[in-house]
Protein backbone atom coordinates (compact mmCIF):
# COMPACT_ATOMS: atom_id res chain seq x y z
CA MET A 1 29.17 7.83 -18.75
CA THR A 2 30.53 9.58 -21.61
CA VAL A 3 29.60 13.32 -22.07
CA ASN A 4 30.52 14.66 -25.81
CA ALA A 5 30.94 18.39 -25.66
CA PRO A 6 31.58 20.78 -28.61
CA VAL A 7 35.16 22.04 -28.40
CA THR A 8 35.77 25.40 -29.54
CA THR A 9 39.54 25.97 -30.71
CA VAL A 10 41.90 28.88 -29.56
CA ARG A 11 45.06 29.82 -29.54
CA ARG A 12 45.29 30.64 -25.69
CA PRO A 13 42.80 28.92 -23.82
CA SER A 14 41.73 30.60 -20.53
CA ALA A 15 41.51 28.85 -17.11
CA ARG A 16 37.87 28.68 -17.31
CA ALA A 17 38.09 26.69 -20.56
CA LEU A 18 40.46 24.56 -18.72
CA VAL A 19 38.52 23.98 -15.67
CA VAL A 20 35.00 23.31 -17.00
CA PRO A 21 35.69 20.07 -18.84
CA VAL A 22 37.11 18.81 -15.70
CA ILE A 23 34.25 19.40 -13.62
CA VAL A 24 31.86 18.23 -16.32
CA SER A 25 33.98 14.97 -16.26
CA ALA A 26 33.80 14.66 -12.60
CA VAL A 27 29.98 15.10 -12.37
CA ALA A 28 29.70 12.24 -15.49
CA LEU A 29 31.74 10.08 -13.26
CA SER A 30 29.72 11.04 -10.16
CA ALA A 31 26.55 10.05 -11.99
CA ALA A 32 28.15 7.01 -13.27
CA ARG A 33 28.97 5.70 -10.09
CA ALA A 34 25.29 6.74 -8.77
CA GLN A 35 23.73 4.42 -11.32
CA THR A 36 26.37 1.58 -10.42
CA PRO A 37 24.16 -1.59 -9.26
CA THR A 38 24.19 -2.11 -5.40
CA SER A 39 24.76 -5.59 -3.90
CA VAL A 40 22.66 -6.73 -1.48
CA ALA A 41 22.71 -10.39 0.67
CA VAL A 42 19.54 -11.40 2.00
CA SER A 43 18.16 -14.32 3.92
CA LEU A 44 15.00 -15.71 3.89
CA GLY A 45 13.80 -13.85 7.11
CA ASP A 46 15.36 -10.57 5.61
CA ALA A 47 13.22 -11.04 2.26
CA ALA A 48 9.77 -11.41 4.59
CA ARG A 49 10.67 -8.30 6.65
CA LEU A 50 11.82 -6.23 3.58
CA ALA A 51 8.66 -7.09 1.70
CA ALA A 52 6.45 -6.28 4.88
CA LYS A 53 8.18 -3.05 5.17
CA GLN A 54 8.42 -1.80 1.30
CA ASN A 55 6.44 -3.48 -0.76
CA ALA A 56 4.43 -1.36 -2.93
CA SER A 57 1.02 -2.73 -1.88
CA VAL A 58 2.03 -2.29 1.83
CA VAL A 59 2.98 1.33 1.51
CA ALA A 60 -0.33 1.65 -0.34
CA ALA A 61 -2.12 0.11 2.39
CA ARG A 62 -0.71 2.43 5.18
CA PHE A 63 -1.67 5.41 3.28
CA ARG A 64 -4.99 4.26 3.16
CA ALA A 65 -4.87 3.65 6.92
CA GLU A 66 -3.59 7.57 7.16
CA GLN A 67 -6.52 8.47 4.85
CA ALA A 68 -8.82 6.75 7.72
CA ASP A 69 -7.18 8.31 10.52
CA ALA A 70 -7.68 11.80 8.92
CA ARG A 71 -11.66 11.08 8.55
CA VAL A 72 -11.60 10.72 12.20
CA THR A 73 -10.39 14.04 12.53
CA GLN A 74 -12.85 15.32 10.32
CA GLN A 75 -15.75 13.78 11.92
CA ARG A 76 -14.41 14.96 15.35
CA ALA A 77 -14.45 18.65 13.81
CA ASP A 78 -18.16 18.42 14.55
CA LEU A 79 -17.77 18.14 18.23
CA LEU A 80 -15.35 21.17 18.60
CA PRO A 81 -15.62 24.82 18.74
CA ASN A 82 -15.79 26.67 15.27
CA VAL A 83 -14.50 30.09 15.56
CA THR A 84 -13.98 32.57 12.46
CA ALA A 85 -13.51 36.23 11.94
CA SER A 86 -14.81 38.30 9.28
CA ALA A 87 -14.66 41.98 8.15
CA LEU A 88 -17.50 43.93 5.56
CA GLU A 89 -17.34 47.11 4.21
CA ASN A 90 -20.80 47.29 2.26
CA GLY A 91 -22.38 50.24 0.33
CA ARG A 92 -26.07 49.87 -1.03
CA SER A 93 -28.81 52.14 -2.13
CA LEU A 94 -32.55 51.02 -1.65
CA ASN A 95 -36.01 51.50 -3.20
CA THR A 96 -38.58 52.63 -0.62
CA ALA A 97 -41.41 50.96 -2.77
CA THR A 98 -39.56 47.52 -1.72
CA PHE A 99 -40.11 48.10 2.40
CA GLY A 100 -43.69 47.09 1.98
CA ILE A 101 -44.64 49.66 4.61
CA ASP A 102 -46.48 52.66 4.32
CA PHE A 103 -45.15 55.61 6.66
CA PRO A 104 -47.75 57.82 7.60
CA SER A 105 -47.40 61.25 7.58
CA PRO A 106 -49.19 64.32 9.76
CA PRO A 107 -52.16 66.06 7.96
CA GLY A 108 -51.07 68.59 5.77
CA GLN A 109 -47.50 67.31 5.50
CA PRO A 110 -46.04 65.58 2.22
CA PRO A 111 -45.64 61.56 2.86
CA LEU A 112 -42.08 60.55 4.16
CA PHE A 113 -41.14 58.63 0.98
CA ASP A 114 -42.91 58.94 -2.41
CA PRO A 115 -45.45 56.47 -2.78
CA ARG A 116 -44.15 55.39 -5.92
CA GLY A 117 -41.07 54.49 -4.60
CA GLN A 118 -37.71 56.40 -4.33
CA VAL A 119 -34.05 55.60 -4.11
CA VAL A 120 -32.49 56.18 -0.72
CA GLY A 121 -28.74 55.84 0.06
CA PRO A 122 -26.30 55.24 -0.57
CA VAL A 123 -25.59 53.38 2.93
CA ASN A 124 -22.20 52.54 3.82
CA ILE A 125 -21.63 49.72 6.52
CA LEU A 126 -18.29 48.87 8.01
CA ASP A 127 -18.57 45.74 10.11
CA SER A 128 -15.81 43.66 11.81
CA ARG A 129 -16.89 40.55 13.84
CA ALA A 130 -15.82 37.50 15.51
CA HIS A 131 -18.20 34.17 15.25
CA PHE A 132 -18.12 31.40 17.57
CA SER A 133 -20.27 27.99 17.57
CA GLN A 134 -20.19 25.07 19.61
CA SER A 135 -22.22 21.95 19.83
CA LEU A 136 -22.99 21.10 23.48
CA PHE A 137 -25.06 17.65 22.57
CA ASP A 138 -25.13 15.57 19.05
CA ALA A 139 -25.49 11.88 19.76
CA GLY A 140 -25.28 11.38 15.87
CA ALA A 141 -22.00 13.29 15.75
CA ILE A 142 -20.60 11.29 18.73
CA GLY A 143 -21.62 8.11 16.81
CA ARG A 144 -20.18 9.10 13.59
CA VAL A 145 -16.64 9.76 15.56
CA ARG A 146 -16.97 6.17 17.24
CA SER A 147 -17.44 4.62 13.74
CA ALA A 148 -14.76 6.43 12.08
CA ARG A 149 -12.49 5.39 14.61
CA ALA A 150 -13.73 1.71 13.98
CA SER A 151 -13.05 2.12 10.45
CA ALA A 152 -9.50 3.54 11.35
CA GLU A 153 -8.79 0.50 13.14
CA ALA A 154 -10.06 -2.12 10.43
CA SER A 155 -7.66 0.06 8.02
CA ASP A 156 -4.67 -0.81 10.50
CA PHE A 157 -5.61 -4.65 10.09
CA ASP A 158 -5.83 -3.93 6.41
CA ALA A 159 -2.16 -2.78 6.48
CA ASP A 160 -0.95 -5.78 8.52
CA ALA A 161 -3.05 -8.07 6.18
CA ALA A 162 -0.96 -6.82 3.13
CA ALA A 163 2.18 -6.82 4.95
CA GLU A 164 1.49 -10.37 5.99
CA GLN A 165 0.87 -11.15 2.35
CA ALA A 166 3.64 -9.50 0.87
CA ALA A 167 5.97 -11.27 3.60
CA ALA A 168 4.51 -14.44 2.16
CA ASN A 169 4.94 -13.93 -1.22
CA ALA A 170 8.60 -12.76 -0.69
CA ALA A 171 9.28 -15.98 1.20
CA GLY A 172 7.97 -17.87 -1.95
CA ALA A 173 9.56 -15.72 -4.76
CA TYR A 174 13.09 -16.54 -2.60
CA VAL A 175 12.26 -20.15 -2.31
CA ARG A 176 11.83 -20.16 -6.20
CA ALA A 177 14.69 -18.17 -6.73
CA ALA A 178 16.86 -20.64 -4.32
CA ARG A 179 15.35 -23.38 -6.28
CA ALA A 180 16.30 -21.77 -9.67
CA ASP A 181 19.83 -21.42 -8.43
CA ALA A 182 20.03 -25.10 -7.35
CA GLN A 183 18.72 -25.91 -10.73
CA LEU A 184 21.30 -23.93 -12.40
CA GLY A 185 23.98 -25.56 -10.37
CA ALA A 186 22.68 -29.04 -11.36
CA ARG A 187 22.61 -28.10 -15.16
CA VAL A 188 26.16 -27.25 -14.81
CA ALA A 189 27.08 -30.00 -13.29
CA ASP A 190 25.28 -32.05 -15.58
CA SER A 191 26.77 -30.17 -18.57
CA SER A 192 30.30 -31.22 -17.04
CA LEU A 193 29.33 -34.98 -16.79
CA ALA A 194 28.27 -34.74 -20.29
CA GLU A 195 31.55 -33.28 -21.57
CA ASP A 196 33.28 -36.17 -19.33
CA LEU A 197 31.35 -38.77 -21.08
CA LEU A 198 31.72 -37.54 -24.26
CA ARG A 199 35.52 -37.41 -24.21
CA ILE A 200 35.37 -40.84 -22.67
CA ALA A 201 33.45 -42.01 -25.93
CA ARG A 202 35.70 -40.51 -28.29
CA GLU A 203 38.79 -41.88 -26.38
CA GLN A 204 37.25 -45.34 -26.37
CA LEU A 205 36.56 -45.10 -30.40
CA THR A 206 40.12 -43.89 -30.63
CA ALA A 207 41.32 -47.16 -28.73
CA GLY A 208 39.10 -49.47 -30.95
CA VAL A 209 37.00 -50.03 -27.93
CA GLY A 210 34.03 -48.12 -28.75
CA VAL A 211 31.56 -47.32 -31.67
CA GLY A 212 30.76 -44.13 -33.26
CA LEU A 213 27.05 -44.45 -32.09
CA ASP A 214 28.23 -43.83 -28.63
CA VAL A 215 29.92 -40.57 -29.55
CA THR A 216 26.59 -39.36 -31.20
CA ARG A 217 24.46 -40.53 -28.28
CA ALA A 218 27.19 -38.56 -26.02
CA GLN A 219 27.12 -35.38 -28.30
CA SER A 220 23.22 -35.41 -28.39
CA GLN A 221 22.78 -35.66 -24.78
CA LEU A 222 25.47 -32.97 -24.23
CA ALA A 223 23.45 -30.69 -26.79
CA ALA A 224 20.23 -31.36 -24.48
CA ILE A 225 21.90 -30.67 -21.44
CA ARG A 226 22.99 -26.94 -22.90
CA ALA A 227 19.55 -26.48 -23.77
CA GLN A 228 18.46 -27.09 -20.37
CA LEU A 229 21.51 -24.94 -18.78
CA ILE A 230 19.97 -22.07 -21.20
CA ALA A 231 16.41 -22.49 -19.79
CA ALA A 232 17.95 -22.75 -16.14
CA ARG A 233 19.64 -19.35 -16.64
CA ASN A 234 16.65 -17.72 -17.81
CA ASP A 235 14.45 -19.08 -15.09
CA ARG A 236 17.09 -17.94 -12.65
CA GLY A 237 16.98 -14.44 -13.93
CA ARG A 238 13.14 -14.42 -14.07
CA THR A 239 12.81 -15.52 -10.52
CA ARG A 240 15.31 -12.79 -9.49
CA LEU A 241 13.28 -9.90 -10.99
CA GLU A 242 10.04 -11.48 -9.25
CA LEU A 243 12.10 -11.63 -5.86
CA LEU A 244 13.36 -7.96 -6.28
CA ARG A 245 9.71 -6.46 -7.20
CA ALA A 246 8.47 -8.49 -4.13
CA LEU A 247 10.88 -6.71 -2.16
CA GLY A 248 10.59 -3.42 -3.40
CA LEU A 249 14.14 -3.01 -4.60
CA PRO A 250 15.37 -1.51 -7.94
CA LEU A 251 15.47 -3.81 -10.60
CA ASP A 252 19.43 -3.76 -11.28
CA THR A 253 20.24 -4.70 -7.62
CA ARG A 254 22.57 -7.62 -7.33
CA LEU A 255 21.11 -9.96 -5.07
CA THR A 256 22.87 -12.92 -2.89
CA LEU A 257 20.71 -15.47 -1.39
CA THR A 258 22.38 -16.33 1.97
CA ASP A 259 20.10 -19.32 2.73
CA SER A 260 20.07 -22.33 0.47
CA LEU A 261 17.37 -25.43 0.20
CA GLY A 262 19.94 -27.71 1.38
CA ALA A 263 20.12 -26.11 4.63
CA LEU A 264 16.13 -26.48 5.34
CA GLN A 265 15.45 -28.67 8.34
CA ILE A 266 13.01 -31.56 7.50
CA ASP A 267 13.33 -33.71 10.67
CA GLU A 268 10.97 -31.18 12.87
CA ALA A 269 8.10 -32.09 14.42
CA LEU A 270 4.78 -30.60 12.29
CA PRO A 271 2.30 -28.33 14.24
CA ASP A 272 -0.84 -29.45 15.56
CA GLU A 273 -3.68 -29.10 12.95
CA GLU A 274 -6.27 -27.76 15.53
CA ALA A 275 -4.19 -25.61 17.20
CA ALA A 276 -2.83 -24.13 14.12
CA ILE A 277 -6.11 -23.31 12.78
CA ALA A 278 -7.03 -21.88 16.15
CA GLN A 279 -4.08 -19.50 16.15
CA ALA A 280 -4.92 -18.51 12.37
CA LEU A 281 -8.49 -17.76 13.08
CA ARG A 282 -7.32 -15.49 16.39
CA GLN A 283 -4.38 -13.59 14.87
CA ARG A 284 -4.95 -13.29 10.71
CA ALA A 285 -5.00 -9.89 10.02
CA ASP A 286 -7.63 -10.09 7.43
CA LEU A 287 -10.15 -11.64 10.02
CA ARG A 288 -9.44 -9.06 12.46
CA SER A 289 -9.99 -6.32 9.77
CA ALA A 290 -13.65 -7.91 9.10
CA ASP A 291 -14.55 -7.81 12.84
CA ALA A 292 -13.37 -4.12 12.81
CA GLN A 293 -15.48 -3.33 9.81
CA LEU A 294 -18.48 -4.98 11.18
CA ALA A 295 -18.12 -2.95 14.58
CA ALA A 296 -17.87 0.22 12.52
CA ILE A 297 -20.72 -0.46 10.57
CA ASP A 298 -22.88 -1.29 13.84
CA ARG A 299 -21.72 1.90 15.23
CA ARG A 300 -22.40 3.59 12.14
CA VAL A 301 -26.26 2.60 12.23
CA THR A 302 -26.24 3.76 15.71
CA SER A 303 -25.20 7.17 14.90
CA LEU A 304 -27.92 7.33 11.99
CA ARG A 305 -30.56 6.57 14.80
CA ALA A 306 -29.17 8.74 16.99
CA GLU A 307 -29.71 11.60 14.57
CA ARG A 308 -33.50 11.34 15.61
CA LEU A 309 -32.65 12.83 19.03
CA PRO A 310 -32.45 16.72 19.45
CA THR A 311 -29.42 18.63 19.34
CA VAL A 312 -28.05 21.38 21.33
CA SER A 313 -25.84 24.13 20.30
CA ALA A 314 -24.46 27.42 21.27
CA PHE A 315 -23.52 30.35 18.90
CA GLY A 316 -22.55 33.86 19.41
CA ASP A 317 -20.53 36.85 17.78
CA TYR A 318 -19.09 39.88 18.90
CA GLY A 319 -17.59 42.77 16.91
CA SER A 320 -17.93 46.54 15.91
CA ILE A 321 -20.31 48.08 13.08
CA GLY A 322 -20.94 51.49 11.96
CA LYS A 323 -20.89 53.86 8.86
CA ASN A 324 -17.18 54.27 8.65
CA GLY A 325 -14.02 53.87 10.66
CA GLY A 326 -14.48 56.36 12.84
CA ALA A 327 -17.72 56.09 14.23
CA LEU A 328 -17.94 52.15 15.24
CA LEU A 329 -20.12 50.85 18.02
CA PRO A 330 -19.60 47.08 19.49
CA THR A 331 -22.69 45.13 19.23
CA TYR A 332 -23.19 41.29 19.91
CA ASN A 333 -25.23 38.50 19.23
CA TRP A 334 -25.56 34.92 21.15
CA GLY A 335 -27.73 32.32 21.74
CA VAL A 336 -28.51 28.42 22.55
CA GLN A 337 -30.38 26.52 20.09
CA LEU A 338 -32.26 23.17 20.18
CA SER A 339 -32.87 21.16 17.18
CA LEU A 340 -35.49 18.14 16.44
CA PRO A 341 -35.53 16.48 13.48
CA LEU A 342 -39.20 15.72 12.26
CA PHE A 343 -38.85 14.31 9.08
CA ASP A 344 -36.54 14.02 6.33
CA GLY A 345 -38.08 12.17 3.38
CA LEU A 346 -37.21 8.67 5.14
CA ARG A 347 -33.47 9.50 4.08
CA ARG A 348 -32.39 8.20 7.24
CA GLU A 349 -34.25 5.05 7.16
CA GLY A 350 -32.69 4.31 3.58
CA ARG A 351 -29.40 4.93 5.11
CA VAL A 352 -29.91 2.43 8.07
CA GLU A 353 -31.27 -0.02 5.63
CA GLU A 354 -27.99 0.44 3.37
CA GLN A 355 -25.98 -0.10 6.14
CA THR A 356 -27.51 -3.30 7.43
CA ALA A 357 -27.08 -4.70 4.05
CA LEU A 358 -23.55 -4.10 4.01
CA HIS A 359 -23.34 -5.82 7.67
CA ASN A 360 -24.95 -8.73 5.97
CA GLU A 361 -22.39 -8.81 3.11
CA ILE A 362 -19.19 -8.49 5.50
CA ASP A 363 -20.64 -10.90 7.79
CA VAL A 364 -20.71 -13.55 4.74
CA ARG A 365 -17.26 -12.27 3.69
CA ARG A 366 -16.13 -13.01 6.89
CA ARG A 367 -17.27 -16.48 7.51
CA ASP A 368 -15.91 -17.26 3.85
CA LEU A 369 -12.38 -15.82 5.56
CA ARG A 370 -12.85 -18.05 8.01
CA GLU A 371 -13.16 -21.11 6.19
CA GLN A 372 -10.51 -19.97 3.79
CA ALA A 373 -7.92 -19.76 6.86
CA SER A 374 -9.04 -23.37 7.51
CA VAL A 375 -8.54 -24.65 4.21
CA GLU A 376 -5.07 -22.89 3.94
CA VAL A 377 -3.79 -24.14 7.11
CA ARG A 378 -4.78 -27.86 6.29
CA THR A 379 -3.38 -27.30 2.66
CA ALA A 380 -0.11 -25.93 3.91
CA LEU A 381 0.42 -28.61 6.61
CA LEU A 382 -0.38 -31.37 3.64
CA ASP A 383 2.10 -29.69 1.51
CA LEU A 384 4.75 -29.42 4.10
CA ALA A 385 4.44 -33.00 4.75
CA SER A 386 4.48 -33.99 1.48
CA ALA A 387 7.48 -31.92 0.61
CA ARG A 388 9.57 -33.31 3.36
CA GLU A 389 8.81 -36.69 1.85
CA ALA A 390 9.85 -35.48 -1.47
CA VAL A 391 12.88 -33.83 -0.40
CA ALA A 392 13.98 -37.01 1.48
CA ALA A 393 13.38 -39.18 -1.66
CA ALA A 394 15.50 -36.74 -3.33
CA ARG A 395 18.32 -36.88 -1.13
CA GLU A 396 18.20 -40.66 -1.46
CA ARG A 397 18.14 -40.31 -5.28
CA VAL A 398 21.13 -37.78 -5.18
CA ARG A 399 23.08 -40.32 -2.94
CA LEU A 400 22.46 -43.22 -5.33
CA ALA A 401 23.60 -41.17 -8.48
CA GLU A 402 26.46 -39.70 -6.47
CA GLN A 403 27.44 -43.53 -5.87
CA GLU A 404 27.06 -44.44 -9.71
CA VAL A 405 28.63 -41.72 -10.90
CA SER A 406 31.67 -42.81 -8.48
CA GLN A 407 31.40 -46.49 -9.70
CA ALA A 408 31.14 -45.33 -13.32
CA SER A 409 34.28 -43.12 -13.09
CA GLU A 410 36.23 -46.38 -11.34
CA ARG A 411 35.36 -48.38 -14.30
CA PHE A 412 36.14 -46.18 -17.16
CA ARG A 413 39.57 -45.33 -15.36
CA ALA A 414 40.04 -49.10 -15.41
CA GLY A 415 39.62 -49.31 -18.93
């Protein structure tokens, strides 16, 4: 990084004028070092673990799980004590005509207040007080807390599902990046081979044992392979960017892939299909999330129906009240309240119907997820078996190609 600063010419530069440019240069050098791309070596397992930990979708899912945990705390507040404090200083004047009461007066005495109304006051009040309330029994609040806990559990499973999906995507991106590396190496080898063939064709033409058409064909083949080499380099760069994004790393990070496609084992036995499907249905996080969502809805419906039950609560306050700070007297108020809901305009019944419909929707989605899990397991096993056969055939073609190149090289060396 280069820092260009205006320079003022003076006859005798001060010590500060000499030190400041040095500090600026040091800061610029530190910033340049901070911007230097880092190098990271990752294996296939490292890629899956990194993506499951720091991929953007996984981090967002964890924040949603934290939000669900916070909602549990909010619902639990309905069952915990509430304590507040207040201080009030109030002054007011009153119109006696608004009392609505006629105060009788002795015969022959004027009325206590003007019948047409008169202003009384101002009346000053100073009141400092502590308020307390506690729910003693509320079945609906208890059900809402249980429903919030089940929803929080479902959010945790959603975060696990996001981590598994991110790990799978990162593994796929890693394999594509390794494949791009292998293709680039193959195109480089093809380019070297095409250059050797062009050299041999030219030597044969010079020796009088070849024709110009062979040289032209070798040049055309070399040009085609160079175009493939350019495309392979572009594909390698693109797959590296996809892998960096899947891992949640800065896009200028230099990645080194420690696992290669050639090290993959293809002689291992495939897992049993039924056992793999049973394991997927038992351990997949998205299915467990759907089960937790259904449990949360069931508890929410229970809490809505429990709102028809009576609720019992206690309340009280204690404080001092008076006309001014010098004449305060302690007062209190307490009580136990029983509330019984009678009719709310069928609002509660509508909420129960809404949750029932949501339960049916999630149940349909869960059944579809189970079918999808079974299809994905069967497809993965089919793809794995087909890929193993393709790898075996490709290795055989590579062996035959190497043998052909070796024989062709011996032939050309023999003239």
